[in-house]
Amino acid sequence: MSATTDTPATTRPKRALPPLMRVSDAAAERLRALYAKGEHGRLLRVGVKAKGCSGLSYDLSWADAAGPGDETVTDNGVTILVDRKASLFLIGTVMDYEVKPMSAGFVFRNPNEKGRCGCGESFHV
């Protein structure tokens, strides 16, 4: 009769997940200005919605407080909300703010994007 030896289960160290979203210096500066002025006491909510010829577009809205379906992201000294339904599409995304000669606005550098439509309004993953 042979004795059985119990070996403890070997657990792998967990791999660190990339941050849900990051906020660039320029985006943080713009958000601080917005939060200090007309949107004082509110938070920017980032989500995605079905729109455009590629299928998805970024959706920005203002919220008075985090809702039950929101993830809170604090980066670069500012806090934003991310719609939990959009989090799989946004993992690792950097939100930036660009000023161009004819326009200015938030832009998203999303490593999950597989392509964009010709006008740049929508994307797919």
Protein backbone atom coordinates (compact mmCIF):
# COMPACT_ATOMS: atom_id res chain seq x y z
CA MET A 1 0.00 0.00 0.00
CA SER A 2 1.54 3.25 -1.02
CA ALA A 3 1.08 6.46 0.82
CA THR A 4 -0.29 9.36 -1.11
CA THR A 5 1.25 12.71 -0.69
CA ASP A 6 -0.77 15.83 -1.00
CA THR A 7 1.00 18.56 -2.87
CA PRO A 8 -0.27 22.06 -2.35
CA ALA A 9 -1.86 23.59 -5.38
CA THR A 10 0.59 25.79 -7.15
CA THR A 11 -0.81 29.24 -7.70
CA ARG A 12 0.49 31.51 -10.36
CA PRO A 13 1.14 35.08 -9.46
CA LYS A 14 -1.61 37.26 -10.83
CA ARG A 15 -0.68 39.44 -13.75
CA ALA A 16 -1.37 43.12 -13.24
CA LEU A 17 -4.19 44.37 -15.41
CA PRO A 18 -3.67 47.51 -17.46
CA PRO A 19 -5.48 50.54 -16.07
CA LEU A 20 -9.03 50.86 -17.30
CA MET A 21 -8.26 54.33 -18.67
CA ARG A 22 -5.59 56.97 -18.35
CA VAL A 23 -5.92 60.73 -18.66
CA SER A 24 -3.16 62.69 -20.42
CA ASP A 25 -1.73 65.93 -19.02
CA ALA A 26 -3.63 67.99 -21.62
CA ALA A 27 -6.93 66.20 -20.92
CA ALA A 28 -6.46 66.58 -17.17
CA GLU A 29 -5.78 70.31 -17.56
CA ARG A 30 -8.93 70.75 -19.68
CA LEU A 31 -11.03 68.72 -17.25
CA ARG A 32 -9.80 70.76 -14.29
CA ALA A 33 -10.88 73.92 -16.14
CA LEU A 34 -14.30 72.43 -16.93
CA TYR A 35 -14.77 71.11 -13.40
CA ALA A 36 -13.86 74.52 -11.94
CA LYS A 37 -16.27 76.47 -14.14
CA GLY A 38 -19.63 75.44 -15.54
CA GLU A 39 -19.44 71.79 -14.53
CA HIS A 40 -18.44 72.40 -10.91
CA GLY A 41 -19.51 69.45 -8.76
CA ARG A 42 -20.14 67.17 -11.74
CA LEU A 43 -18.05 64.40 -13.32
CA LEU A 44 -17.41 63.46 -16.92
CA ARG A 45 -18.80 60.01 -17.83
CA VAL A 46 -17.16 58.14 -20.72
CA GLY A 47 -19.01 55.37 -22.52
CA VAL A 48 -19.52 53.91 -25.96
CA LYS A 49 -22.69 53.64 -27.99
CA ALA A 50 -23.70 52.06 -31.26
CA LYS A 51 -23.26 54.74 -33.91
CA GLY A 52 -21.65 55.42 -37.26
CA CYS A 53 -20.55 53.14 -40.05
CA SER A 54 -17.95 51.25 -37.98
CA GLY A 55 -20.34 50.41 -35.16
CA LEU A 56 -19.22 52.25 -31.99
CA SER A 57 -18.47 55.80 -30.96
CA TYR A 58 -17.28 57.43 -27.76
CA ASP A 59 -20.06 58.98 -25.71
CA LEU A 60 -19.31 61.78 -23.22
CA SER A 61 -21.88 63.07 -20.75
CA TRP A 62 -21.98 64.85 -17.39
CA ALA A 63 -23.08 63.15 -14.17
CA ASP A 64 -23.83 64.59 -10.75
CA ALA A 65 -22.47 61.46 -9.06
CA ALA A 66 -21.28 57.96 -9.86
CA GLY A 67 -24.13 55.60 -10.59
CA PRO A 68 -24.34 51.87 -9.89
CA GLY A 69 -23.12 51.12 -13.43
CA ASP A 70 -20.05 53.38 -13.27
CA GLU A 71 -16.38 52.65 -12.67
CA THR A 72 -14.46 55.53 -11.09
CA VAL A 73 -11.06 56.34 -12.60
CA THR A 74 -8.72 58.83 -10.95
CA ASP A 75 -5.60 59.69 -12.91
CA ASN A 76 -3.39 62.74 -13.27
CA GLY A 77 -5.27 64.51 -10.48
CA VAL A 78 -8.76 64.26 -12.02
CA THR A 79 -11.63 61.82 -11.67
CA ILE A 80 -13.81 60.54 -14.49
CA LEU A 81 -16.52 57.92 -14.64
CA VAL A 82 -16.52 55.02 -17.08
CA ASP A 83 -19.75 53.27 -17.96
CA ARG A 84 -19.20 49.68 -16.83
CA LYS A 85 -20.82 48.38 -20.04
CA ALA A 86 -18.06 50.13 -22.02
CA SER A 87 -15.12 49.00 -19.91
CA LEU A 88 -14.20 46.00 -22.09
CA PHE A 89 -13.94 48.32 -25.10
CA LEU A 90 -11.88 50.91 -23.20
CA ILE A 91 -9.25 48.92 -21.27
CA GLY A 92 -5.89 50.63 -21.72
CA THR A 93 -7.33 53.70 -23.47
CA VAL A 94 -5.68 57.10 -23.03
CA MET A 95 -7.98 60.10 -23.10
CA ASP A 96 -6.21 63.15 -24.53
CA TYR A 97 -7.19 66.71 -25.44
CA GLU A 98 -6.09 68.14 -28.78
CA VAL A 99 -6.24 71.70 -30.04
CA LYS A 100 -6.06 72.04 -33.82
CA PRO A 101 -6.43 75.17 -35.98
CA MET A 102 -10.13 74.49 -36.69
CA SER A 103 -11.17 72.31 -33.74
CA ALA A 104 -10.46 71.26 -30.19
CA GLY A 105 -11.70 68.30 -28.19
CA PHE A 106 -11.09 65.08 -26.35
CA VAL A 107 -9.61 62.23 -28.37
CA PHE A 108 -9.10 58.61 -27.42
CA ARG A 109 -6.04 56.47 -28.10
CA ASN A 110 -7.55 53.03 -27.76
CA PRO A 111 -5.32 49.94 -28.20
CA ASN A 112 -8.46 47.81 -28.71
CA GLU A 113 -9.54 49.59 -31.89
CA LYS A 114 -9.22 47.43 -34.98
CA GLY A 115 -10.35 50.13 -37.38
CA ARG A 116 -12.18 53.43 -37.87
CA CYS A 117 -14.62 54.72 -40.42
CA GLY A 118 -13.41 57.18 -43.05
CA CYS A 119 -14.75 60.25 -41.22
CA GLY A 120 -13.21 59.12 -37.91
CA GLU A 121 -16.48 59.34 -36.01
CA SER A 122 -16.81 55.63 -35.17
CA PHE A 123 -14.61 52.60 -34.56
CA HIS A 124 -14.80 48.84 -34.19
CA VAL A 125 -12.98 46.36 -31.96
